[in-house]
Amino acid sequence: MHGIVDEKTNIYVYGVLLLEPLTVRQALDSSQQSLVMWAKPLLMKNNIKELVDPTRGDAHDSDQIDHVECAACICIDQSPSERPQMSQFVRVLEGDESSLIELKLRQRSRHQRTPSVADLFDADECNPTEYLSHLNQQMMVLVNCNEKSEDHDRSTTDRNQKKGGGGSRPHRN
């Protein structure tokens, strides 16, 4: 966090608060492991079975769990701009299906795209592994672009040499 408390910071906190009763874990456990860091991979894989407190068994309303899980997931997004507005968050918790669907679509599209550098700088909680993964993705894009550019330059040079003159420069004495 950057010391600035605003609606998006509050949304993040609500996401963490939703995860606590869902998982029966604290925001930070005795070993200082973050609940968000533990839950995020499970949320991304939609692995509700591992996420929800196992002592609940099947004694929970799966629709309610779905609403809470979806709301928590979008609320703890690293990028504050991707978190919902408070009004949308409340509608999801009240069971508004259209708000839930909108959040799920937003969440799905968010996870299908490669994050930009701005997203990484916008992140509130720095996850070094995730950061390096995204950095590697960005580097691969740059390497591929560079290779394509070099291939294009080579083919242009080859074509120019074949057209005439061999592409050599006149020598000066």
N, C-alpha and C. Protein backbone atom coordinates (compact mmCIF):
# COMPACT_ATOMS: atom_id res chain seq x y z
N MET A 1 0.83 -1.18 0.00
CA MET A 1 0.00 0.00 0.00
C MET A 1 0.88 1.25 0.00
N HIS A 2 0.34 2.31 -0.48
CA HIS A 2 1.11 3.54 -0.63
C HIS A 2 0.72 4.60 0.38
N GLY A 3 -0.02 4.26 1.42
CA GLY A 3 -0.42 5.22 2.43
C GLY A 3 -1.62 6.06 2.05
N ILE A 4 -2.19 5.81 0.90
CA ILE A 4 -3.35 6.56 0.44
C ILE A 4 -4.58 5.66 0.61
N VAL A 5 -5.53 6.14 1.41
CA VAL A 5 -6.75 5.37 1.62
C VAL A 5 -7.85 5.99 0.79
N ASP A 6 -8.40 5.20 -0.10
CA ASP A 6 -9.50 5.66 -0.94
C ASP A 6 -10.47 4.50 -1.13
N GLU A 7 -11.45 4.68 -2.00
CA GLU A 7 -12.46 3.65 -2.22
C GLU A 7 -11.82 2.34 -2.68
N LYS A 8 -10.83 2.42 -3.56
CA LYS A 8 -10.21 1.20 -4.10
C LYS A 8 -9.40 0.46 -3.02
N THR A 9 -8.82 1.19 -2.09
CA THR A 9 -8.12 0.56 -0.97
C THR A 9 -9.13 -0.15 -0.08
N ASN A 10 -10.25 0.52 0.19
CA ASN A 10 -11.31 -0.10 0.99
C ASN A 10 -11.84 -1.36 0.33
N ILE A 11 -11.98 -1.32 -0.99
CA ILE A 11 -12.46 -2.49 -1.73
C ILE A 11 -11.50 -3.66 -1.53
N TYR A 12 -10.20 -3.39 -1.59
CA TYR A 12 -9.19 -4.44 -1.37
C TYR A 12 -9.37 -5.05 0.01
N VAL A 13 -9.53 -4.19 1.01
CA VAL A 13 -9.70 -4.66 2.39
C VAL A 13 -10.96 -5.52 2.51
N TYR A 14 -12.05 -5.09 1.88
CA TYR A 14 -13.27 -5.89 1.91
C TYR A 14 -13.04 -7.26 1.26
N GLY A 15 -12.26 -7.29 0.20
CA GLY A 15 -11.95 -8.57 -0.43
C GLY A 15 -11.23 -9.50 0.53
N VAL A 16 -10.27 -8.95 1.28
CA VAL A 16 -9.55 -9.75 2.28
C VAL A 16 -10.51 -10.20 3.38
N LEU A 17 -11.38 -9.28 3.82
CA LEU A 17 -12.35 -9.62 4.86
C LEU A 17 -13.32 -10.71 4.40
N LEU A 18 -13.65 -10.73 3.13
CA LEU A 18 -14.52 -11.79 2.60
C LEU A 18 -13.80 -13.14 2.59
N LEU A 19 -12.50 -13.11 2.33
CA LEU A 19 -11.74 -14.35 2.28
C LEU A 19 -11.59 -15.00 3.66
N GLU A 20 -11.50 -14.17 4.71
CA GLU A 20 -11.26 -14.71 6.05
C GLU A 20 -12.33 -15.72 6.48
N PRO A 21 -13.62 -15.38 6.49
CA PRO A 21 -14.61 -16.38 6.91
C PRO A 21 -14.79 -17.52 5.89
N LEU A 22 -14.55 -17.22 4.64
CA LEU A 22 -14.68 -18.23 3.59
C LEU A 22 -13.65 -19.34 3.77
N THR A 23 -12.44 -18.93 4.13
CA THR A 23 -11.32 -19.87 4.25
C THR A 23 -11.01 -20.26 5.70
N VAL A 24 -11.56 -19.51 6.64
CA VAL A 24 -11.25 -19.63 8.07
C VAL A 24 -9.74 -19.48 8.29
N ARG A 25 -9.19 -18.49 7.64
CA ARG A 25 -7.78 -18.12 7.81
C ARG A 25 -7.72 -16.63 8.11
N GLN A 26 -6.64 -16.22 8.75
CA GLN A 26 -6.45 -14.81 9.03
C GLN A 26 -5.71 -14.15 7.87
N ALA A 27 -5.82 -12.83 7.80
CA ALA A 27 -5.16 -12.08 6.73
C ALA A 27 -3.66 -12.39 6.70
N LEU A 28 -3.06 -12.47 7.87
CA LEU A 28 -1.67 -12.91 8.02
C LEU A 28 -1.65 -13.98 9.08
N ASP A 29 -1.11 -15.15 8.77
CA ASP A 29 -1.07 -16.20 9.78
C ASP A 29 0.18 -16.06 10.64
N SER A 30 0.38 -16.98 11.56
CA SER A 30 1.50 -16.89 12.50
C SER A 30 2.85 -16.89 11.81
N SER A 31 2.92 -17.48 10.61
CA SER A 31 4.19 -17.49 9.87
C SER A 31 4.30 -16.29 8.93
N GLN A 32 3.38 -15.33 9.06
CA GLN A 32 3.34 -14.12 8.25
C GLN A 32 3.01 -14.39 6.79
N GLN A 33 2.37 -15.53 6.51
CA GLN A 33 1.94 -15.81 5.14
C GLN A 33 0.66 -15.04 4.89
N SER A 34 0.62 -14.36 3.76
CA SER A 34 -0.53 -13.56 3.38
C SER A 34 -1.67 -14.44 2.88
N LEU A 35 -2.87 -14.18 3.39
CA LEU A 35 -4.06 -14.89 2.93
C LEU A 35 -4.26 -14.67 1.44
N VAL A 36 -4.04 -13.44 0.99
CA VAL A 36 -4.21 -13.11 -0.43
C VAL A 36 -3.25 -13.92 -1.28
N MET A 37 -2.00 -14.00 -0.86
CA MET A 37 -1.00 -14.75 -1.63
C MET A 37 -1.34 -16.24 -1.68
N TRP A 38 -1.91 -16.76 -0.60
CA TRP A 38 -2.30 -18.16 -0.56
C TRP A 38 -3.54 -18.40 -1.43
N ALA A 39 -4.52 -17.51 -1.33
CA ALA A 39 -5.81 -17.71 -1.98
C ALA A 39 -5.80 -17.39 -3.47
N LYS A 40 -4.97 -16.45 -3.89
CA LYS A 40 -5.03 -15.99 -5.28
C LYS A 40 -4.87 -17.12 -6.31
N PRO A 41 -3.89 -18.01 -6.18
CA PRO A 41 -3.79 -19.10 -7.17
C PRO A 41 -5.04 -19.99 -7.20
N LEU A 42 -5.63 -20.22 -6.04
CA LEU A 42 -6.85 -21.03 -5.98
C LEU A 42 -8.01 -20.29 -6.64
N LEU A 43 -8.09 -18.99 -6.43
CA LEU A 43 -9.14 -18.19 -7.05
C LEU A 43 -8.97 -18.17 -8.57
N MET A 44 -7.73 -18.03 -9.03
CA MET A 44 -7.47 -17.98 -10.47
C MET A 44 -7.86 -19.29 -11.15
N LYS A 45 -7.67 -20.40 -10.44
CA LYS A 45 -8.02 -21.71 -11.00
C LYS A 45 -9.47 -22.08 -10.70
N ASN A 46 -10.17 -21.16 -10.01
CA ASN A 46 -11.56 -21.40 -9.60
C ASN A 46 -11.67 -22.69 -8.78
N ASN A 47 -10.67 -22.91 -7.93
CA ASN A 47 -10.60 -24.11 -7.10
C ASN A 47 -11.27 -23.83 -5.75
N ILE A 48 -12.59 -23.76 -5.78
CA ILE A 48 -13.37 -23.41 -4.59
C ILE A 48 -13.25 -24.48 -3.51
N LYS A 49 -13.14 -25.72 -3.93
CA LYS A 49 -13.07 -26.83 -2.97
C LYS A 49 -11.89 -26.67 -2.01
N GLU A 50 -10.74 -26.29 -2.53
CA GLU A 50 -9.56 -26.09 -1.68
C GLU A 50 -9.62 -24.77 -0.92
N LEU A 51 -10.34 -23.82 -1.47
CA LEU A 51 -10.41 -22.48 -0.88
C LEU A 51 -11.33 -22.45 0.34
N VAL A 52 -12.49 -23.06 0.22
CA VAL A 52 -13.49 -23.01 1.29
C VAL A 52 -13.09 -23.91 2.44
N ASP A 53 -13.37 -23.44 3.65
CA ASP A 53 -13.09 -24.19 4.87
C ASP A 53 -13.63 -25.62 4.76
N PRO A 54 -12.76 -26.63 4.86
CA PRO A 54 -13.21 -28.02 4.68
C PRO A 54 -14.18 -28.51 5.76
N THR A 55 -14.20 -27.86 6.92
CA THR A 55 -15.12 -28.29 7.98
C THR A 55 -16.57 -27.97 7.64
N ARG A 56 -16.78 -27.13 6.63
CA ARG A 56 -18.15 -26.81 6.21
C ARG A 56 -18.80 -27.99 5.50
N GLY A 57 -17.99 -28.85 4.91
CA GLY A 57 -18.53 -29.97 4.15
C GLY A 57 -19.40 -29.43 3.02
N ASP A 58 -20.54 -30.03 2.83
CA ASP A 58 -21.48 -29.56 1.80
C ASP A 58 -22.57 -28.68 2.41
N ALA A 59 -22.36 -28.27 3.64
CA ALA A 59 -23.37 -27.48 4.35
C ALA A 59 -23.26 -25.99 4.05
N HIS A 60 -23.09 -25.65 2.78
CA HIS A 60 -23.06 -24.24 2.42
C HIS A 60 -23.83 -24.04 1.12
N ASP A 61 -24.32 -22.84 0.96
CA ASP A 61 -25.06 -22.47 -0.25
C ASP A 61 -24.05 -22.16 -1.34
N SER A 62 -23.98 -23.00 -2.36
CA SER A 62 -22.96 -22.82 -3.40
C SER A 62 -23.13 -21.50 -4.15
N ASP A 63 -24.36 -21.01 -4.30
CA ASP A 63 -24.56 -19.72 -4.97
C ASP A 63 -23.97 -18.59 -4.14
N GLN A 64 -24.19 -18.64 -2.82
CA GLN A 64 -23.62 -17.61 -1.95
C GLN A 64 -22.09 -17.67 -1.97
N ILE A 65 -21.56 -18.87 -1.91
CA ILE A 65 -20.10 -19.04 -1.95
C ILE A 65 -19.57 -18.48 -3.27
N ASP A 66 -20.26 -18.73 -4.36
CA ASP A 66 -19.86 -18.23 -5.67
C ASP A 66 -19.85 -16.70 -5.68
N HIS A 67 -20.88 -16.08 -5.12
CA HIS A 67 -20.94 -14.62 -5.05
C HIS A 67 -19.78 -14.06 -4.22
N VAL A 68 -19.56 -14.66 -3.07
CA VAL A 68 -18.50 -14.18 -2.17
C VAL A 68 -17.14 -14.40 -2.81
N GLU A 69 -16.93 -15.57 -3.39
CA GLU A 69 -15.64 -15.88 -4.03
C GLU A 69 -15.35 -14.91 -5.17
N CYS A 70 -16.33 -14.67 -6.01
CA CYS A 70 -16.15 -13.76 -7.15
C CYS A 70 -15.87 -12.34 -6.67
N ALA A 71 -16.64 -11.89 -5.69
CA ALA A 71 -16.45 -10.54 -5.16
C ALA A 71 -15.06 -10.40 -4.54
N ALA A 72 -14.66 -11.39 -3.76
CA ALA A 72 -13.34 -11.34 -3.12
C ALA A 72 -12.24 -11.31 -4.17
N CYS A 73 -12.35 -12.14 -5.18
CA CYS A 73 -11.32 -12.24 -6.22
C CYS A 73 -11.11 -10.91 -6.94
N ILE A 74 -12.20 -10.29 -7.35
CA ILE A 74 -12.06 -9.03 -8.09
C ILE A 74 -11.63 -7.89 -7.17
N CYS A 75 -11.99 -7.98 -5.89
CA CYS A 75 -11.62 -6.93 -4.93
C CYS A 75 -10.14 -6.92 -4.60
N ILE A 76 -9.50 -8.09 -4.67
CA ILE A 76 -8.08 -8.16 -4.31
C ILE A 76 -7.18 -8.07 -5.54
N ASP A 77 -7.73 -7.61 -6.65
CA ASP A 77 -6.92 -7.42 -7.85
C ASP A 77 -5.76 -6.49 -7.53
N GLN A 78 -4.59 -6.78 -8.07
CA GLN A 78 -3.42 -5.94 -7.81
C GLN A 78 -3.60 -4.52 -8.30
N SER A 79 -4.30 -4.36 -9.38
CA SER A 79 -4.48 -3.04 -9.96
C SER A 79 -5.74 -2.39 -9.39
N PRO A 80 -5.60 -1.29 -8.65
CA PRO A 80 -6.78 -0.62 -8.10
C PRO A 80 -7.81 -0.25 -9.15
N SER A 81 -7.36 0.10 -10.34
CA SER A 81 -8.31 0.50 -11.39
C SER A 81 -9.18 -0.66 -11.85
N GLU A 82 -8.75 -1.90 -11.60
CA GLU A 82 -9.52 -3.08 -11.99
C GLU A 82 -10.50 -3.52 -10.91
N ARG A 83 -10.39 -2.94 -9.72
CA ARG A 83 -11.32 -3.30 -8.65
C ARG A 83 -12.67 -2.63 -8.89
N PRO A 84 -13.74 -3.27 -8.41
CA PRO A 84 -15.08 -2.69 -8.65
C PRO A 84 -15.32 -1.46 -7.80
N GLN A 85 -16.34 -0.72 -8.17
CA GLN A 85 -16.78 0.39 -7.32
C GLN A 85 -17.55 -0.21 -6.15
N MET A 86 -17.64 0.54 -5.07
CA MET A 86 -18.31 0.05 -3.87
C MET A 86 -19.76 -0.33 -4.17
N SER A 87 -20.44 0.46 -4.98
CA SER A 87 -21.85 0.18 -5.29
C SER A 87 -22.00 -1.17 -6.01
N GLN A 88 -21.09 -1.46 -6.92
CA GLN A 88 -21.14 -2.73 -7.64
C GLN A 88 -20.83 -3.89 -6.70
N PHE A 89 -19.87 -3.68 -5.83
CA PHE A 89 -19.49 -4.68 -4.83
C PHE A 89 -20.69 -5.03 -3.95
N VAL A 90 -21.41 -4.02 -3.49
CA VAL A 90 -22.59 -4.23 -2.64
C VAL A 90 -23.67 -4.99 -3.40
N ARG A 91 -23.90 -4.63 -4.66
CA ARG A 91 -24.92 -5.32 -5.46
C ARG A 91 -24.60 -6.81 -5.61
N VAL A 92 -23.33 -7.13 -5.80
CA VAL A 92 -22.93 -8.55 -5.92
C VAL A 92 -23.23 -9.28 -4.62
N LEU A 93 -22.87 -8.66 -3.50
CA LEU A 93 -23.11 -9.32 -2.21
C LEU A 93 -24.60 -9.46 -1.91
N GLU A 94 -25.40 -8.56 -2.47
CA GLU A 94 -26.85 -8.65 -2.28
C GLU A 94 -27.47 -9.71 -3.18
N GLY A 95 -26.68 -10.26 -4.09
CA GLY A 95 -27.17 -11.34 -4.94
C GLY A 95 -27.62 -10.90 -6.32
N ASP A 96 -27.27 -9.68 -6.73
CA ASP A 96 -27.65 -9.19 -8.06
C ASP A 96 -26.88 -9.97 -9.12
N GLU A 97 -27.60 -10.79 -9.87
CA GLU A 97 -26.98 -11.67 -10.88
C GLU A 97 -26.28 -10.88 -11.99
N SER A 98 -26.86 -9.79 -12.45
CA SER A 98 -26.25 -9.03 -13.55
C SER A 98 -24.91 -8.43 -13.12
N SER A 99 -24.82 -7.96 -11.87
CA SER A 99 -23.55 -7.43 -11.37
C SER A 99 -22.52 -8.54 -11.23
N LEU A 100 -22.97 -9.71 -10.79
CA LEU A 100 -22.07 -10.85 -10.66
C LEU A 100 -21.53 -11.27 -12.02
N ILE A 101 -22.41 -11.35 -13.01
CA ILE A 101 -21.99 -11.73 -14.36
C ILE A 101 -21.01 -10.71 -14.92
N GLU A 102 -21.30 -9.43 -14.71
CA GLU A 102 -20.40 -8.37 -15.19
C GLU A 102 -19.02 -8.51 -14.55
N LEU A 103 -18.98 -8.77 -13.24
CA LEU A 103 -17.70 -8.95 -12.56
C LEU A 103 -16.95 -10.18 -13.07
N LYS A 104 -17.68 -11.26 -13.31
CA LYS A 104 -17.03 -12.48 -13.80
C LYS A 104 -16.44 -12.27 -15.20
N LEU A 105 -17.18 -11.57 -16.06
CA LEU A 105 -16.66 -11.29 -17.40
C LEU A 105 -15.43 -10.40 -17.32
N ARG A 106 -15.49 -9.42 -16.47
CA ARG A 106 -14.37 -8.51 -16.28
C ARG A 106 -13.16 -9.26 -15.75
N GLN A 107 -13.41 -10.13 -14.78
CA GLN A 107 -12.35 -10.93 -14.18
C GLN A 107 -11.73 -11.86 -15.22
N ARG A 108 -12.55 -12.51 -16.02
CA ARG A 108 -12.06 -13.44 -17.04
C ARG A 108 -11.21 -12.71 -18.07
N SER A 109 -11.70 -11.56 -18.55
CA SER A 109 -10.93 -10.82 -19.56
C SER A 109 -9.64 -10.29 -18.98
N ARG A 110 -9.65 -9.93 -17.72
CA ARG A 110 -8.45 -9.42 -17.06
C ARG A 110 -7.37 -10.49 -17.00
N HIS A 111 -7.76 -11.72 -16.74
CA HIS A 111 -6.78 -12.79 -16.59
C HIS A 111 -6.35 -13.39 -17.92
N GLN A 112 -7.03 -13.02 -19.00
CA GLN A 112 -6.65 -13.55 -20.31
C GLN A 112 -5.67 -12.65 -21.03
N ARG A 113 -5.48 -11.45 -20.54
CA ARG A 113 -4.54 -10.56 -21.21
C ARG A 113 -3.24 -10.48 -20.43
N THR A 114 -2.17 -10.13 -21.12
CA THR A 114 -0.88 -9.95 -20.48
C THR A 114 -0.89 -8.58 -19.82
N PRO A 115 -0.53 -8.50 -18.56
CA PRO A 115 -0.56 -7.21 -17.89
C PRO A 115 0.48 -6.26 -18.49
N SER A 116 0.12 -5.00 -18.50
CA SER A 116 1.03 -3.99 -19.01
C SER A 116 2.01 -3.59 -17.92
N VAL A 117 3.03 -2.86 -18.28
CA VAL A 117 3.98 -2.35 -17.30
C VAL A 117 3.25 -1.44 -16.32
N ALA A 118 2.27 -0.66 -16.81
CA ALA A 118 1.49 0.22 -15.93
C ALA A 118 0.75 -0.60 -14.88
N ASP A 119 0.20 -1.75 -15.27
CA ASP A 119 -0.48 -2.61 -14.30
C ASP A 119 0.49 -3.05 -13.21
N LEU A 120 1.70 -3.38 -13.61
CA LEU A 120 2.68 -3.85 -12.63
C LEU A 120 3.08 -2.74 -11.67
N PHE A 121 3.22 -1.51 -12.18
CA PHE A 121 3.55 -0.39 -11.31
C PHE A 121 2.37 0.01 -10.45
N ASP A 122 1.16 -0.29 -10.91
CA ASP A 122 -0.06 0.05 -10.20
C ASP A 122 -0.35 -0.94 -9.08
N ALA A 123 0.38 -2.04 -9.05
CA ALA A 123 0.10 -3.11 -8.09
C ALA A 123 0.35 -2.65 -6.67
N ASP A 124 -0.60 -2.98 -5.79
CA ASP A 124 -0.47 -2.64 -4.38
C ASP A 124 0.38 -3.65 -3.63
N GLU A 125 0.21 -4.91 -3.97
CA GLU A 125 0.92 -5.95 -3.26
C GLU A 125 1.90 -6.58 -4.23
N CYS A 126 3.18 -6.42 -3.96
CA CYS A 126 4.20 -6.91 -4.88
C CYS A 126 4.44 -8.39 -4.65
N ASN A 127 4.23 -9.16 -5.68
CA ASN A 127 4.49 -10.59 -5.65
C ASN A 127 5.68 -10.81 -6.58
N PRO A 128 6.88 -11.03 -6.03
CA PRO A 128 8.07 -11.13 -6.88
C PRO A 128 7.97 -12.21 -7.95
N THR A 129 7.39 -13.36 -7.62
CA THR A 129 7.27 -14.43 -8.61
C THR A 129 6.38 -14.00 -9.76
N GLU A 130 5.23 -13.41 -9.42
CA GLU A 130 4.30 -12.95 -10.45
C GLU A 130 4.94 -11.83 -11.27
N TYR A 131 5.64 -10.93 -10.58
CA TYR A 131 6.30 -9.82 -11.26
C TYR A 131 7.32 -10.34 -12.27
N LEU A 132 8.14 -11.31 -11.85
CA LEU A 132 9.15 -11.87 -12.76
C LEU A 132 8.50 -12.61 -13.92
N SER A 133 7.42 -13.30 -13.65
CA SER A 133 6.70 -14.00 -14.72
C SER A 133 6.21 -13.01 -15.76
N HIS A 134 5.60 -11.91 -15.30
CA HIS A 134 5.10 -10.90 -16.23
C HIS A 134 6.25 -10.20 -16.96
N LEU A 135 7.35 -9.98 -16.24
CA LEU A 135 8.51 -9.36 -16.86
C LEU A 135 9.07 -10.27 -17.95
N ASN A 136 9.12 -11.57 -17.68
CA ASN A 136 9.58 -12.53 -18.69
C ASN A 136 8.67 -12.53 -19.90
N GLN A 137 7.35 -12.43 -19.68
CA GLN A 137 6.41 -12.37 -20.80
C GLN A 137 6.69 -11.13 -21.66
N GLN A 138 6.91 -10.01 -21.00
CA GLN A 138 7.19 -8.77 -21.73
C GLN A 138 8.51 -8.89 -22.50
N MET A 139 9.51 -9.52 -21.88
CA MET A 139 10.80 -9.69 -22.54
C MET A 139 10.66 -10.58 -23.77
N MET A 140 9.86 -11.64 -23.68
CA MET A 140 9.65 -12.53 -24.82
C MET A 140 8.99 -11.77 -25.98
N VAL A 141 8.06 -10.90 -25.66
CA VAL A 141 7.42 -10.09 -26.70
C VAL A 141 8.47 -9.21 -27.37
N LEU A 142 9.34 -8.58 -26.58
CA LEU A 142 10.39 -7.73 -27.15
C LEU A 142 11.37 -8.53 -28.00
N VAL A 143 11.77 -9.70 -27.51
CA VAL A 143 12.71 -10.55 -28.25
C VAL A 143 12.09 -10.96 -29.58
N ASN A 144 10.81 -11.37 -29.56
CA ASN A 144 10.13 -11.77 -30.79
C ASN A 144 10.05 -10.61 -31.78
N CYS A 145 9.74 -9.42 -31.26
CA CYS A 145 9.67 -8.24 -32.14
C CYS A 145 11.04 -7.94 -32.74
N ASN A 146 12.09 -8.05 -31.92
CA ASN A 146 13.44 -7.78 -32.39
C ASN A 146 13.86 -8.79 -33.45
N GLU A 147 13.54 -10.08 -33.23
CA GLU A 147 13.88 -11.11 -34.21
C GLU A 147 13.15 -10.88 -35.53
N LYS A 148 11.89 -10.50 -35.46
CA LYS A 148 11.13 -10.22 -36.68
C LYS A 148 11.72 -9.03 -37.42
N SER A 149 12.15 -8.02 -36.66
CA SER A 149 12.76 -6.84 -37.27
C SER A 149 14.07 -7.20 -37.97
N GLU A 150 14.89 -8.03 -37.30
CA GLU A 150 16.16 -8.46 -37.90
C GLU A 150 15.91 -9.31 -39.15
N ASP A 151 14.93 -10.20 -39.10
CA ASP A 151 14.58 -11.01 -40.27
C ASP A 151 14.16 -10.12 -41.44
N HIS A 152 13.36 -9.11 -41.12
CA HIS A 152 12.89 -8.18 -42.15
C HIS A 152 14.08 -7.42 -42.76
N ASP A 153 15.00 -6.95 -41.90
CA ASP A 153 16.18 -6.23 -42.39
C ASP A 153 17.03 -7.12 -43.29
N ARG A 154 17.23 -8.39 -42.88
CA ARG A 154 18.02 -9.33 -43.67
C ARG A 154 17.38 -9.58 -45.03
N SER A 155 16.07 -9.79 -45.05
CA SER A 155 15.40 -10.08 -46.33
C SER A 155 15.41 -8.85 -47.23
N THR A 156 15.32 -7.66 -46.65
CA THR A 156 15.38 -6.44 -47.45
C THR A 156 16.77 -6.27 -48.04
N THR A 157 17.81 -6.53 -47.25
CA THR A 157 19.19 -6.43 -47.74
C THR A 157 19.44 -7.45 -48.84
N ASP A 158 18.96 -8.69 -48.64
CA ASP A 158 19.12 -9.73 -49.67
C ASP A 158 18.45 -9.33 -50.97
N ARG A 159 17.25 -8.79 -50.89
CA ARG A 159 16.52 -8.36 -52.10
C ARG A 159 17.27 -7.24 -52.81
N ASN A 160 17.80 -6.29 -52.04
CA ASN A 160 18.53 -5.17 -52.64
C ASN A 160 19.80 -5.65 -53.33
N GLN A 161 20.47 -6.63 -52.74
CA GLN A 161 21.69 -7.15 -53.34
C GLN A 161 21.37 -7.89 -54.64
N LYS A 162 20.26 -8.60 -54.68
CA LYS A 162 19.89 -9.35 -55.88
C LYS A 162 19.44 -8.42 -57.01
N LYS A 163 18.85 -7.28 -56.67
CA LYS A 163 18.33 -6.37 -57.69
C LYS A 163 19.44 -5.75 -58.53
N GLY A 164 20.52 -5.49 -57.94
CA GLY A 164 21.59 -4.91 -58.75
C GLY A 164 22.65 -4.27 -57.88
N GLY A 165 23.83 -4.40 -58.27
CA GLY A 165 24.91 -3.73 -57.57
C GLY A 165 25.42 -4.49 -56.37
N GLY A 166 24.77 -5.52 -55.96
CA GLY A 166 25.27 -6.32 -54.84
C GLY A 166 25.23 -5.60 -53.53
N GLY A 167 24.70 -4.38 -53.53
CA GLY A 167 24.57 -3.66 -52.28
C GLY A 167 25.87 -3.14 -51.74
N SER A 168 26.96 -3.17 -52.55
CA SER A 168 28.22 -2.68 -52.02
C SER A 168 28.32 -1.19 -52.23
N ARG A 169 29.05 -0.56 -51.35
CA ARG A 169 29.24 0.89 -51.42
C ARG A 169 30.47 1.18 -52.27
N PRO A 170 30.46 2.33 -52.96
CA PRO A 170 31.65 2.69 -53.72
C PRO A 170 32.82 2.95 -52.78
N HIS A 171 34.01 2.55 -53.22
CA HIS A 171 35.22 2.75 -52.42
C HIS A 171 35.80 4.12 -52.70
N ARG A 172 36.28 4.76 -51.66
CA ARG A 172 36.95 6.06 -51.82
C ARG A 172 38.44 5.86 -51.71
N ASN A 173 39.16 6.58 -52.51
CA ASN A 173 40.62 6.50 -52.48
C ASN A 173 41.21 7.61 -51.71
